[in-house]
Amino acid sequence: MLYLWIFLLILGFALLVKGADWFVDGAAGIAGKCRISPLIIGLTVVAFGTSAPELCVSVTSAIQKSTDLAIGNVVGSNIINILLILGLSALFHALPVQRNSLLLDLPVLLLSSALMIGLAAWGNALNWWDGVVFLAVFAVYMFLLIRGALKEQKGKSDESLPPPAEEKKPKGKIGAWFDTMEERTWFLILLTVIGLGMVVGGGTLLVDNAKKIAQHFHVSERIIGLTIVALGTSLPELVTSVVAAIKGETDIAVGNIIGSNIFNILLVAGASSLFCPLTFTTAGAASNLIDACVALGAAVLLFGLALIKGHKLGRIAGSLMLACFIGYYVYLFVV
């Protein structure tokens, strides 16, 4: 049975990743046909799609009352995103931290991380009213993000710049057929529904089989959530960021990771707590609160490194992040 559980776990990861990809393609296509600005699509539909795996896994875990998995997925993903993904990416290419990230995104990430720790320590859990607070802060953040982006777009003279040339890549028959079908509204709706179904189904498979594997090896759901599940749901960000860094396309790498972490706390944890209180253990080595503090510490480290002259994350910063990541994983399995 163990091999079957592992196979279903991997299948769940695959459905999550591909389902989120199809969901984004379909939803963005529908939004484009409704004449919604590509900027708004990018800040909402695409951003939501990249957080869909974490959202589905944590909500499914909360519904099944596996709160350690739900918390571990959120906190573990945030730790992996900063210490592992940005750390690795910085080894390949210096990562510039944009002004908007310094003024809005990083302060919101620090505030959100501190808010999660404070509410969890106060009531030993994130309850539904805490989730409402998180979602309200998320709504304000999205409003500020969209308003700032629209102002920046309006301030640029589009007429003075030629439209960017699309990079044409050779495609086979399936790729050409897919491009043709994406022009049809009914196909976009079908793609969106199928993608959403794959995300939900993949999340359910992942949570169910992660729990079975944890029980088989007598490993806590907290450890499984912080490692296997968190790493699996962060795979799209890991591959995208590292490949972008290798190619030197680093303009939005840091901003995407910070935005993903904000989504994880405010949207994923906030929505999950509406279904079931997310209980935090606050004593001993196996404490969710310690993990949340590590996630806050990773955000503080990122902010501090970003404030250094030049506002770039270089090889030294990347090495420091990776060292912290390795140290944290040693703590998880040794202490």
C-alpha atoms as a PDB file:
ATOM      1  CA  MET A   1       0.000   0.000   0.000  1.00  0.00           C
ATOM      2  CA  LEU A   2       2.910   2.350   0.693  1.00  0.00           C
ATOM      3  CA  TYR A   3       3.903   2.471  -2.989  1.00  0.00           C
ATOM      4  CA  LEU A   4       0.303   3.219  -3.943  1.00  0.00           C
ATOM      5  CA  TRP A   5       0.167   6.096  -1.444  1.00  0.00           C
ATOM      6  CA  ILE A   6       3.425   7.522  -2.809  1.00  0.00           C
ATOM      7  CA  PHE A   7       2.125   7.207  -6.378  1.00  0.00           C
ATOM      8  CA  LEU A   8      -1.159   8.944  -5.463  1.00  0.00           C
ATOM      9  CA  LEU A   9       0.808  11.658  -3.625  1.00  0.00           C
ATOM     10  CA  ILE A  10       2.895  12.355  -6.745  1.00  0.00           C
ATOM     11  CA  LEU A  11      -0.263  12.226  -8.889  1.00  0.00           C
ATOM     12  CA  GLY A  12      -1.827  14.787  -6.561  1.00  0.00           C
ATOM     13  CA  PHE A  13       1.150  17.115  -6.998  1.00  0.00           C
ATOM     14  CA  ALA A  14       0.953  16.747 -10.799  1.00  0.00           C
ATOM     15  CA  LEU A  15      -2.796  17.479 -10.853  1.00  0.00           C
ATOM     16  CA  LEU A  16      -2.270  20.525  -8.611  1.00  0.00           C
ATOM     17  CA  VAL A  17       0.441  22.052 -10.787  1.00  0.00           C
ATOM     18  CA  LYS A  18      -1.138  21.344 -14.183  1.00  0.00           C
ATOM     19  CA  GLY A  19      -4.625  22.164 -12.936  1.00  0.00           C
ATOM     20  CA  ALA A  20      -3.478  25.565 -11.671  1.00  0.00           C
ATOM     21  CA  ASP A  21      -1.804  26.174 -15.053  1.00  0.00           C
ATOM     22  CA  TRP A  22      -4.997  25.381 -16.982  1.00  0.00           C
ATOM     23  CA  PHE A  23      -7.119  27.369 -14.541  1.00  0.00           C
ATOM     24  CA  VAL A  24      -4.943  30.453 -15.039  1.00  0.00           C
ATOM     25  CA  ASP A  25      -4.958  30.059 -18.844  1.00  0.00           C
ATOM     26  CA  GLY A  26      -8.723  29.679 -18.967  1.00  0.00           C
ATOM     27  CA  ALA A  27      -9.582  32.396 -16.454  1.00  0.00           C
ATOM     28  CA  ALA A  28      -7.113  34.863 -17.975  1.00  0.00           C
ATOM     29  CA  GLY A  29      -8.521  34.146 -21.452  1.00  0.00           C
ATOM     30  CA  ILE A  30     -12.086  34.770 -20.270  1.00  0.00           C
ATOM     31  CA  ALA A  31     -11.025  37.970 -18.512  1.00  0.00           C
ATOM     32  CA  GLY A  32      -9.274  39.126 -21.684  1.00  0.00           C
ATOM     33  CA  LYS A  33     -12.439  38.544 -23.747  1.00  0.00           C
ATOM     34  CA  CYS A  34     -14.321  40.626 -21.165  1.00  0.00           C
ATOM     35  CA  ARG A  35     -11.848  43.452 -21.948  1.00  0.00           C
ATOM     36  CA  ILE A  36     -10.281  43.392 -18.474  1.00  0.00           C
ATOM     37  CA  SER A  37      -6.832  45.006 -18.350  1.00  0.00           C
ATOM     38  CA  PRO A  38      -3.919  42.544 -18.673  1.00  0.00           C
ATOM     39  CA  LEU A  39      -2.408  44.299 -15.642  1.00  0.00           C
ATOM     40  CA  ILE A  40      -5.440  43.477 -13.503  1.00  0.00           C
ATOM     41  CA  ILE A  41      -5.453  39.918 -14.840  1.00  0.00           C
ATOM     42  CA  GLY A  42      -1.826  39.511 -13.807  1.00  0.00           C
ATOM     43  CA  LEU A  43      -2.356  40.937 -10.336  1.00  0.00           C
ATOM     44  CA  THR A  44      -5.487  38.904  -9.600  1.00  0.00           C
ATOM     45  CA  VAL A  45      -6.143  35.835 -11.759  1.00  0.00           C
ATOM     46  CA  VAL A  46      -2.513  34.834 -12.309  1.00  0.00           C
ATOM     47  CA  ALA A  47      -1.501  35.615  -8.718  1.00  0.00           C
ATOM     48  CA  PHE A  48      -4.440  33.578  -7.422  1.00  0.00           C
ATOM     49  CA  GLY A  49      -3.557  30.717  -9.750  1.00  0.00           C
ATOM     50  CA  THR A  50       0.014  30.460  -8.441  1.00  0.00           C
ATOM     51  CA  SER A  51      -1.354  30.218  -4.879  1.00  0.00           C
ATOM     52  CA  ALA A  52      -4.115  27.759  -5.829  1.00  0.00           C
ATOM     53  CA  PRO A  53      -2.102  24.637  -4.799  1.00  0.00           C
ATOM     54  CA  GLU A  54      -1.399  26.016  -1.306  1.00  0.00           C
ATOM     55  CA  LEU A  55      -4.978  27.266  -0.974  1.00  0.00           C
ATOM     56  CA  CYS A  56      -6.541  23.957  -1.969  1.00  0.00           C
ATOM     57  CA  VAL A  57      -4.211  21.835   0.200  1.00  0.00           C
ATOM     58  CA  SER A  58      -4.669  23.969   3.316  1.00  0.00           C
ATOM     59  CA  VAL A  59      -8.450  24.329   2.945  1.00  0.00           C
ATOM     60  CA  THR A  60      -8.787  20.568   2.338  1.00  0.00           C
ATOM     61  CA  SER A  61      -6.616  19.893   5.394  1.00  0.00           C
ATOM     62  CA  ALA A  62      -8.716  22.267   7.505  1.00  0.00           C
ATOM     63  CA  ILE A  63     -11.974  20.630   6.386  1.00  0.00           C
ATOM     64  CA  GLN A  64     -10.506  17.243   7.359  1.00  0.00           C
ATOM     65  CA  LYS A  65      -9.339  18.793  10.667  1.00  0.00           C
ATOM     66  CA  SER A  66      -5.684  18.079   9.836  1.00  0.00           C
ATOM     67  CA  THR A  67      -4.663  21.506  11.088  1.00  0.00           C
ATOM     68  CA  ASP A  68      -0.949  20.650  11.396  1.00  0.00           C
ATOM     69  CA  LEU A  69      -0.890  19.976   7.646  1.00  0.00           C
ATOM     70  CA  ALA A  70      -2.734  23.230   6.916  1.00  0.00           C
ATOM     71  CA  ILE A  71      -0.397  25.327   9.069  1.00  0.00           C
ATOM     72  CA  GLY A  72       2.716  23.464   7.966  1.00  0.00           C
ATOM     73  CA  ASN A  73       1.853  24.001   4.309  1.00  0.00           C
ATOM     74  CA  VAL A  74       1.500  27.769   4.755  1.00  0.00           C
ATOM     75  CA  VAL A  75       4.482  28.306   7.036  1.00  0.00           C
ATOM     76  CA  GLY A  76       6.688  25.750   5.288  1.00  0.00           C
ATOM     77  CA  SER A  77       5.965  27.235   1.844  1.00  0.00           C
ATOM     78  CA  ASN A  78       6.909  30.711   3.071  1.00  0.00           C
ATOM     79  CA  ILE A  79      10.186  29.440   4.536  1.00  0.00           C
ATOM     80  CA  ILE A  80      11.016  27.489   1.368  1.00  0.00           C
ATOM     81  CA  ASN A  81      10.095  30.418  -0.896  1.00  0.00           C
ATOM     82  CA  ILE A  82      12.538  32.799   0.792  1.00  0.00           C
ATOM     83  CA  LEU A  83      15.386  30.681   2.153  1.00  0.00           C
ATOM     84  CA  LEU A  84      15.547  27.951  -0.507  1.00  0.00           C
ATOM     85  CA  ILE A  85      14.103  29.434  -3.713  1.00  0.00           C
ATOM     86  CA  LEU A  86      15.524  32.959  -3.429  1.00  0.00           C
ATOM     87  CA  GLY A  87      18.723  31.539  -1.939  1.00  0.00           C
ATOM     88  CA  LEU A  88      19.289  29.208  -4.887  1.00  0.00           C
ATOM     89  CA  SER A  89      18.247  31.845  -7.420  1.00  0.00           C
ATOM     90  CA  ALA A  90      20.670  34.399  -5.959  1.00  0.00           C
ATOM     91  CA  LEU A  91      23.564  31.978  -6.478  1.00  0.00           C
ATOM     92  CA  PHE A  92      22.954  32.039 -10.233  1.00  0.00           C
ATOM     93  CA  HIS A  93      22.263  35.754 -10.686  1.00  0.00           C
ATOM     94  CA  ALA A  94      21.987  38.861  -8.511  1.00  0.00           C
ATOM     95  CA  LEU A  95      18.311  39.514  -7.756  1.00  0.00           C
ATOM     96  CA  PRO A  96      17.244  43.182  -7.720  1.00  0.00           C
ATOM     97  CA  VAL A  97      14.596  44.154  -5.154  1.00  0.00           C
ATOM     98  CA  GLN A  98      12.164  46.606  -6.714  1.00  0.00           C
ATOM     99  CA  ARG A  99      11.170  49.862  -5.021  1.00  0.00           C
ATOM    100  CA  ASN A 100       7.523  48.781  -4.765  1.00  0.00           C
ATOM    101  CA  SER A 101       8.574  45.653  -2.871  1.00  0.00           C
ATOM    102  CA  LEU A 102      10.537  47.731  -0.362  1.00  0.00           C
ATOM    103  CA  LEU A 103       7.735  50.248   0.166  1.00  0.00           C
ATOM    104  CA  LEU A 104       4.646  47.997   0.116  1.00  0.00           C
ATOM    105  CA  ASP A 105       5.145  44.258  -0.308  1.00  0.00           C
ATOM    106  CA  LEU A 106       7.868  43.575   2.266  1.00  0.00           C
ATOM    107  CA  PRO A 107       6.241  45.706   5.018  1.00  0.00           C
ATOM    108  CA  VAL A 108       2.914  43.919   4.370  1.00  0.00           C
ATOM    109  CA  LEU A 109       4.683  40.540   4.548  1.00  0.00           C
ATOM    110  CA  LEU A 110       6.311  41.463   7.865  1.00  0.00           C
ATOM    111  CA  LEU A 111       2.992  42.759   9.216  1.00  0.00           C
ATOM    112  CA  SER A 112       1.136  39.634   8.087  1.00  0.00           C
ATOM    113  CA  SER A 113       3.746  37.285   9.580  1.00  0.00           C
ATOM    114  CA  ALA A 114       3.735  39.161  12.885  1.00  0.00           C
ATOM    115  CA  LEU A 115      -0.078  39.258  12.891  1.00  0.00           C
ATOM    116  CA  MET A 116      -0.267  35.491  12.434  1.00  0.00           C
ATOM    117  CA  ILE A 117       2.142  34.909  15.318  1.00  0.00           C
ATOM    118  CA  GLY A 118       0.346  37.389  17.575  1.00  0.00           C
ATOM    119  CA  LEU A 119      -3.138  35.972  16.956  1.00  0.00           C
ATOM    120  CA  ALA A 120      -1.903  32.381  17.245  1.00  0.00           C
ATOM    121  CA  ALA A 121      -0.088  33.075  20.528  1.00  0.00           C
ATOM    122  CA  TRP A 122      -3.071  34.962  21.928  1.00  0.00           C
ATOM    123  CA  GLY A 123      -5.695  32.260  21.393  1.00  0.00           C
ATOM    124  CA  ASN A 124      -3.482  29.226  20.583  1.00  0.00           C
ATOM    125  CA  ALA A 125      -5.351  29.053  17.271  1.00  0.00           C
ATOM    126  CA  LEU A 126      -6.456  31.007  14.243  1.00  0.00           C
ATOM    127  CA  ASN A 127     -10.250  31.096  14.530  1.00  0.00           C
ATOM    128  CA  TRP A 128     -12.826  32.190  11.954  1.00  0.00           C
ATOM    129  CA  TRP A 129     -12.772  35.795  13.194  1.00  0.00           C
ATOM    130  CA  ASP A 130      -8.995  35.830  12.773  1.00  0.00           C
ATOM    131  CA  GLY A 131      -9.578  34.578   9.226  1.00  0.00           C
ATOM    132  CA  VAL A 132     -11.945  37.479   8.603  1.00  0.00           C
ATOM    133  CA  VAL A 133      -9.220  39.881   9.770  1.00  0.00           C
ATOM    134  CA  PHE A 134      -6.692  38.241   7.441  1.00  0.00           C
ATOM    135  CA  LEU A 135      -9.045  38.421   4.466  1.00  0.00           C
ATOM    136  CA  ALA A 136      -9.860  42.070   5.217  1.00  0.00           C
ATOM    137  CA  VAL A 137      -6.141  42.945   5.287  1.00  0.00           C
ATOM    138  CA  PHE A 138      -5.729  40.964   2.058  1.00  0.00           C
ATOM    139  CA  ALA A 139      -8.495  42.980   0.388  1.00  0.00           C
ATOM    140  CA  VAL A 140      -6.819  46.266   1.433  1.00  0.00           C
ATOM    141  CA  TYR A 141      -3.449  45.005   0.149  1.00  0.00           C
ATOM    142  CA  MET A 142      -4.934  44.032  -3.217  1.00  0.00           C
ATOM    143  CA  PHE A 143      -6.638  47.439  -3.485  1.00  0.00           C
ATOM    144  CA  LEU A 144      -3.348  49.253  -2.817  1.00  0.00           C
ATOM    145  CA  LEU A 145      -1.494  46.956  -5.223  1.00  0.00           C
ATOM    146  CA  ILE A 146      -3.937  47.448  -8.085  1.00  0.00           C
ATOM    147  CA  ARG A 147      -4.270  51.197  -7.490  1.00  0.00           C
ATOM    148  CA  GLY A 148      -0.494  51.670  -7.479  1.00  0.00           C
ATOM    149  CA  ALA A 149      -0.059  49.541 -10.593  1.00  0.00           C
ATOM    150  CA  LEU A 150      -2.748  51.466 -12.465  1.00  0.00           C
ATOM    151  CA  LYS A 151      -1.140  54.797 -11.514  1.00  0.00           C
ATOM    152  CA  GLU A 152       2.249  53.561 -12.692  1.00  0.00           C
ATOM    153  CA  GLN A 153       0.770  52.317 -15.948  1.00  0.00           C
ATOM    154  CA  LYS A 154      -1.078  55.588 -16.516  1.00  0.00           C
ATOM    155  CA  GLY A 155       2.114  57.576 -15.920  1.00  0.00           C
ATOM    156  CA  LYS A 156       3.946  55.775 -18.709  1.00  0.00           C
ATOM    157  CA  SER A 157       3.649  56.975 -22.276  1.00  0.00           C
ATOM    158  CA  ASP A 158       2.575  53.893 -24.193  1.00  0.00           C
ATOM    159  CA  GLU A 159       2.619  55.840 -27.458  1.00  0.00           C
ATOM    160  CA  SER A 160       6.348  56.449 -27.275  1.00  0.00           C
ATOM    161  CA  LEU A 161       7.142  52.779 -26.956  1.00  0.00           C
ATOM    162  CA  PRO A 162       6.656  50.213 -29.702  1.00  0.00           C
ATOM    163  CA  PRO A 163       4.594  47.163 -28.754  1.00  0.00           C
ATOM    164  CA  PRO A 164       6.768  44.302 -27.542  1.00  0.00           C
ATOM    165  CA  ALA A 165       7.404  41.702 -30.179  1.00  0.00           C
ATOM    166  CA  GLU A 166       6.060  38.298 -29.318  1.00  0.00           C
ATOM    167  CA  GLU A 167       8.624  35.558 -29.229  1.00  0.00           C
ATOM    168  CA  LYS A 168       7.514  32.879 -31.641  1.00  0.00           C
ATOM    169  CA  LYS A 169       8.420  29.374 -30.642  1.00  0.00           C
ATOM    170  CA  PRO A 170       8.073  26.326 -32.829  1.00  0.00           C
ATOM    171  CA  LYS A 171       4.948  24.367 -31.908  1.00  0.00           C
ATOM    172  CA  GLY A 172       3.713  20.962 -32.845  1.00  0.00           C
ATOM    173  CA  LYS A 173       0.225  20.083 -34.010  1.00  0.00           C
ATOM    174  CA  ILE A 174      -1.099  19.837 -30.437  1.00  0.00           C
ATOM    175  CA  GLY A 175       0.325  23.239 -29.503  1.00  0.00           C
ATOM    176  CA  ALA A 176      -1.120  24.874 -32.608  1.00  0.00           C
ATOM    177  CA  TRP A 177      -4.508  23.243 -31.977  1.00  0.00           C
ATOM    178  CA  PHE A 178      -4.469  24.431 -28.363  1.00  0.00           C
ATOM    179  CA  ASP A 179      -3.718  28.020 -29.442  1.00  0.00           C
ATOM    180  CA  THR A 180      -6.609  27.895 -31.898  1.00  0.00           C
ATOM    181  CA  MET A 181      -9.028  26.518 -29.315  1.00  0.00           C
ATOM    182  CA  GLU A 182      -8.053  29.213 -26.798  1.00  0.00           C
ATOM    183  CA  GLU A 183      -9.761  31.737 -29.097  1.00  0.00           C
ATOM    184  CA  ARG A 184     -13.129  30.133 -28.320  1.00  0.00           C
ATOM    185  CA  THR A 185     -14.994  31.192 -25.185  1.00  0.00           C
ATOM    186  CA  TRP A 186     -16.614  27.800 -24.536  1.00  0.00           C
ATOM    187  CA  PHE A 187     -13.184  26.146 -24.560  1.00  0.00           C
ATOM    188  CA  LEU A 188     -11.808  28.727 -22.095  1.00  0.00           C
ATOM    189  CA  ILE A 189     -14.728  28.075 -19.742  1.00  0.00           C
ATOM    190  CA  LEU A 190     -14.173  24.313 -20.046  1.00  0.00           C
ATOM    191  CA  LEU A 191     -10.446  24.767 -19.420  1.00  0.00           C
ATOM    192  CA  THR A 192     -11.153  26.851 -16.307  1.00  0.00           C
ATOM    193  CA  VAL A 193     -13.616  24.301 -14.884  1.00  0.00           C
ATOM    194  CA  ILE A 194     -11.345  21.326 -15.624  1.00  0.00           C
ATOM    195  CA  GLY A 195      -8.335  23.154 -14.162  1.00  0.00           C
ATOM    196  CA  LEU A 196     -10.229  23.988 -10.978  1.00  0.00           C
ATOM    197  CA  GLY A 197     -11.412  20.390 -10.706  1.00  0.00           C
ATOM    198  CA  MET A 198      -7.843  19.120 -11.107  1.00  0.00           C
ATOM    199  CA  VAL A 199      -6.640  21.487  -8.366  1.00  0.00           C
ATOM    200  CA  VAL A 200      -9.358  20.324  -5.962  1.00  0.00           C
ATOM    201  CA  GLY A 201      -8.869  16.645  -6.825  1.00  0.00           C
ATOM    202  CA  GLY A 202      -5.090  16.912  -6.645  1.00  0.00           C
ATOM    203  CA  GLY A 203      -5.257  18.682  -3.296  1.00  0.00           C
ATOM    204  CA  THR A 204      -7.512  15.976  -1.877  1.00  0.00           C
ATOM    205  CA  LEU A 205      -5.228  13.190  -3.136  1.00  0.00           C
ATOM    206  CA  LEU A 206      -2.183  14.951  -1.732  1.00  0.00           C
ATOM    207  CA  VAL A 207      -3.642  15.544   1.743  1.00  0.00           C
ATOM    208  CA  ASP A 208      -5.144  12.065   2.093  1.00  0.00           C
ATOM    209  CA  ASN A 209      -1.983  10.228   1.070  1.00  0.00           C
ATOM    210  CA  ALA A 210       0.390  12.544   2.950  1.00  0.00           C
ATOM    211  CA  LYS A 211      -1.523  11.679   6.132  1.00  0.00           C
ATOM    212  CA  LYS A 212      -1.293   7.944   5.389  1.00  0.00           C
ATOM    213  CA  ILE A 213       2.456   8.141   4.704  1.00  0.00           C
ATOM    214  CA  ALA A 214       2.980  10.138   7.904  1.00  0.00           C
ATOM    215  CA  GLN A 215       1.094   7.535   9.933  1.00  0.00           C
ATOM    216  CA  HIS A 216       3.006   4.683   8.259  1.00  0.00           C
ATOM    217  CA  PHE A 217       6.405   6.134   9.192  1.00  0.00           C
ATOM    218  CA  HIS A 218       5.163   7.546  12.534  1.00  0.00           C
ATOM    219  CA  VAL A 219       6.079  11.052  11.400  1.00  0.00           C
ATOM    220  CA  SER A 220       3.963  13.956  12.597  1.00  0.00           C
ATOM    221  CA  GLU A 221       1.652  15.744  10.156  1.00  0.00           C
ATOM    222  CA  ARG A 222       3.495  18.947  11.115  1.00  0.00           C
ATOM    223  CA  ILE A 223       6.782  17.597   9.670  1.00  0.00           C
ATOM    224  CA  ILE A 224       5.052  16.279   6.540  1.00  0.00           C
ATOM    225  CA  GLY A 225       3.335  19.639   6.031  1.00  0.00           C
ATOM    226  CA  LEU A 226       6.536  21.631   6.534  1.00  0.00           C
ATOM    227  CA  THR A 227       8.604  19.469   4.186  1.00  0.00           C
ATOM    228  CA  ILE A 228       6.996  17.233   1.538  1.00  0.00           C
ATOM    229  CA  VAL A 229       3.697  19.109   1.161  1.00  0.00           C
ATOM    230  CA  ALA A 230       5.230  22.601   1.399  1.00  0.00           C
ATOM    231  CA  LEU A 231       7.997  21.733  -1.067  1.00  0.00           C
ATOM    232  CA  GLY A 232       5.536  20.121  -3.466  1.00  0.00           C
ATOM    233  CA  THR A 233       3.193  23.117  -3.546  1.00  0.00           C
ATOM    234  CA  SER A 234       6.211  25.431  -3.987  1.00  0.00           C
ATOM    235  CA  LEU A 235       7.645  23.498  -6.950  1.00  0.00           C
ATOM    236  CA  PRO A 236       6.217  25.898  -9.586  1.00  0.00           C
ATOM    237  CA  GLU A 237       7.858  28.884  -7.872  1.00  0.00           C
ATOM    238  CA  LEU A 238      11.113  26.933  -7.410  1.00  0.00           C
ATOM    239  CA  VAL A 239      11.437  25.918 -11.069  1.00  0.00           C
ATOM    240  CA  THR A 240      10.282  29.292 -12.419  1.00  0.00           C
ATOM    241  CA  SER A 241      12.558  31.403 -10.215  1.00  0.00           C
ATOM    242  CA  VAL A 242      15.713  29.311 -10.648  1.00  0.00           C
ATOM    243  CA  VAL A 243      15.293  29.064 -14.437  1.00  0.00           C
ATOM    244  CA  ALA A 244      14.586  32.816 -14.640  1.00  0.00           C
ATOM    245  CA  ALA A 245      17.714  33.540 -12.580  1.00  0.00           C
ATOM    246  CA  ILE A 246      19.860  31.317 -14.808  1.00  0.00           C
ATOM    247  CA  LYS A 247      18.551  33.207 -17.858  1.00  0.00           C
ATOM    248  CA  GLY A 248      19.104  36.565 -16.149  1.00  0.00           C
ATOM    249  CA  GLU A 249      15.386  37.429 -16.184  1.00  0.00           C
ATOM    250  CA  THR A 250      15.230  38.574 -12.575  1.00  0.00           C
ATOM    251  CA  ASP A 251      13.130  41.739 -12.669  1.00  0.00           C
ATOM    252  CA  ILE A 252      10.115  40.334 -10.855  1.00  0.00           C
ATOM    253  CA  ALA A 253      11.580  37.226  -9.208  1.00  0.00           C
ATOM    254  CA  VAL A 254      11.739  38.683  -5.692  1.00  0.00           C
ATOM    255  CA  GLY A 255       8.384  40.446  -5.988  1.00  0.00           C
ATOM    256  CA  ASN A 256       6.672  37.224  -7.066  1.00  0.00           C
ATOM    257  CA  ILE A 257       8.025  35.313  -4.069  1.00  0.00           C
ATOM    258  CA  ILE A 258       7.051  38.065  -1.623  1.00  0.00           C
ATOM    259  CA  GLY A 259       3.581  38.286  -3.164  1.00  0.00           C
ATOM    260  CA  SER A 260       3.173  34.509  -2.938  1.00  0.00           C
ATOM    261  CA  ASN A 261       4.083  34.591   0.772  1.00  0.00           C
ATOM    262  CA  ILE A 262       1.548  37.355   1.435  1.00  0.00           C
ATOM    263  CA  PHE A 263      -1.124  35.329  -0.375  1.00  0.00           C
ATOM    264  CA  ASN A 264      -0.207  32.261   1.697  1.00  0.00           C
ATOM    265  CA  ILE A 265      -0.749  34.019   5.021  1.00  0.00           C
ATOM    266  CA  LEU A 266      -3.641  36.356   4.330  1.00  0.00           C
ATOM    267  CA  LEU A 267      -5.610  34.361   1.757  1.00  0.00           C
ATOM    268  CA  VAL A 268      -4.661  30.704   2.357  1.00  0.00           C
ATOM    269  CA  ALA A 269      -4.454  30.744   6.162  1.00  0.00           C
ATOM    270  CA  GLY A 270      -7.340  33.213   6.366  1.00  0.00           C
ATOM    271  CA  ALA A 271      -9.662  31.096   4.187  1.00  0.00           C
ATOM    272  CA  SER A 272      -8.607  27.837   5.877  1.00  0.00           C
ATOM    273  CA  SER A 273      -9.424  29.156   9.363  1.00  0.00           C
ATOM    274  CA  LEU A 274     -13.012  29.814   8.246  1.00  0.00           C
ATOM    275  CA  PHE A 275     -13.570  26.050   7.946  1.00  0.00           C
ATOM    276  CA  CYS A 276     -11.793  24.888  11.118  1.00  0.00           C
ATOM    277  CA  PRO A 277      -9.742  26.612  13.854  1.00  0.00           C
ATOM    278  CA  LEU A 278      -6.058  26.213  13.009  1.00  0.00           C
ATOM    279  CA  THR A 279      -4.632  25.132  16.349  1.00  0.00           C
ATOM    280  CA  PHE A 280      -1.054  26.203  17.135  1.00  0.00           C
ATOM    281  CA  THR A 281       1.102  24.309  19.605  1.00  0.00           C
ATOM    282  CA  THR A 282       3.022  26.920  21.586  1.00  0.00           C
ATOM    283  CA  ALA A 283       5.320  24.787  23.774  1.00  0.00           C
ATOM    284  CA  GLY A 284       8.133  22.323  23.151  1.00  0.00           C
ATOM    285  CA  ALA A 285      10.382  21.736  20.153  1.00  0.00           C
ATOM    286  CA  ALA A 286       7.473  20.575  17.968  1.00  0.00           C
ATOM    287  CA  SER A 287       5.784  23.962  18.110  1.00  0.00           C
ATOM    288  CA  ASN A 288       3.933  25.484  15.176  1.00  0.00           C
ATOM    289  CA  LEU A 289       4.624  28.863  16.743  1.00  0.00           C
ATOM    290  CA  ILE A 290       8.381  28.298  16.445  1.00  0.00           C
ATOM    291  CA  ASP A 291       7.908  27.471  12.748  1.00  0.00           C
ATOM    292  CA  ALA A 292       5.879  30.673  12.279  1.00  0.00           C
ATOM    293  CA  CYS A 293       8.679  32.626  14.003  1.00  0.00           C
ATOM    294  CA  VAL A 294      11.201  31.075  11.594  1.00  0.00           C
ATOM    295  CA  ALA A 295       9.020  32.254   8.688  1.00  0.00           C
ATOM    296  CA  LEU A 296       8.954  35.767  10.192  1.00  0.00           C
ATOM    297  CA  GLY A 297      12.731  35.588  10.706  1.00  0.00           C
ATOM    298  CA  ALA A 298      13.182  34.645   7.031  1.00  0.00           C
ATOM    299  CA  ALA A 299      11.105  37.692   6.013  1.00  0.00           C
ATOM    300  CA  VAL A 300      13.147  39.954   8.336  1.00  0.00           C
ATOM    301  CA  LEU A 301      16.380  38.538   6.869  1.00  0.00           C
ATOM    302  CA  LEU A 302      15.133  39.224   3.347  1.00  0.00           C
ATOM    303  CA  PHE A 303      14.139  42.778   4.245  1.00  0.00           C
ATOM    304  CA  GLY A 304      17.513  43.422   5.890  1.00  0.00           C
ATOM    305  CA  LEU A 305      19.469  42.068   2.924  1.00  0.00           C
ATOM    306  CA  ALA A 306      17.275  44.079   0.526  1.00  0.00           C
ATOM    307  CA  LEU A 307      18.106  47.314   2.359  1.00  0.00           C
ATOM    308  CA  ILE A 308      21.832  46.901   1.722  1.00  0.00           C
ATOM    309  CA  LYS A 309      23.240  49.387  -0.793  1.00  0.00           C
ATOM    310  CA  GLY A 310      22.256  48.458  -4.312  1.00  0.00           C
ATOM    311  CA  HIS A 311      19.103  46.609  -3.181  1.00  0.00           C
ATOM    312  CA  LYS A 312      20.268  43.351  -4.725  1.00  0.00           C
ATOM    313  CA  LEU A 313      20.523  39.815  -3.406  1.00  0.00           C
ATOM    314  CA  GLY A 314      23.891  38.435  -4.467  1.00  0.00           C
ATOM    315  CA  ARG A 315      25.794  35.197  -3.877  1.00  0.00           C
ATOM    316  CA  ILE A 316      26.645  36.066  -0.270  1.00  0.00           C
ATOM    317  CA  ALA A 317      22.969  36.721   0.517  1.00  0.00           C
ATOM    318  CA  GLY A 318      21.967  33.519  -1.288  1.00  0.00           C
ATOM    319  CA  SER A 319      24.539  31.473   0.636  1.00  0.00           C
ATOM    320  CA  LEU A 320      23.334  32.936   3.933  1.00  0.00           C
ATOM    321  CA  MET A 321      19.711  32.079   3.085  1.00  0.00           C
ATOM    322  CA  LEU A 322      20.604  28.503   2.124  1.00  0.00           C
ATOM    323  CA  ALA A 323      22.640  28.071   5.318  1.00  0.00           C
ATOM    324  CA  CYS A 324      19.619  29.199   7.352  1.00  0.00           C
ATOM    325  CA  PHE A 325      17.381  26.798   5.405  1.00  0.00           C
ATOM    326  CA  ILE A 326      19.700  23.845   6.044  1.00  0.00           C
ATOM    327  CA  GLY A 327      19.957  24.809   9.723  1.00  0.00           C
ATOM    328  CA  TYR A 328      16.167  24.892  10.044  1.00  0.00           C
ATOM    329  CA  TYR A 329      15.749  21.463   8.435  1.00  0.00           C
ATOM    330  CA  VAL A 330      18.433  20.023  10.736  1.00  0.00           C
ATOM    331  CA  TYR A 331      16.407  21.422  13.650  1.00  0.00           C
ATOM    332  CA  LEU A 332      13.218  19.796  12.287  1.00  0.00           C
ATOM    333  CA  PHE A 333      14.660  16.287  12.083  1.00  0.00           C
ATOM    334  CA  VAL A 334      17.195  16.328  14.926  1.00  0.00           C
ATOM    335  CA  VAL A 335      15.630  18.310  17.761  1.00  0.00           C
END
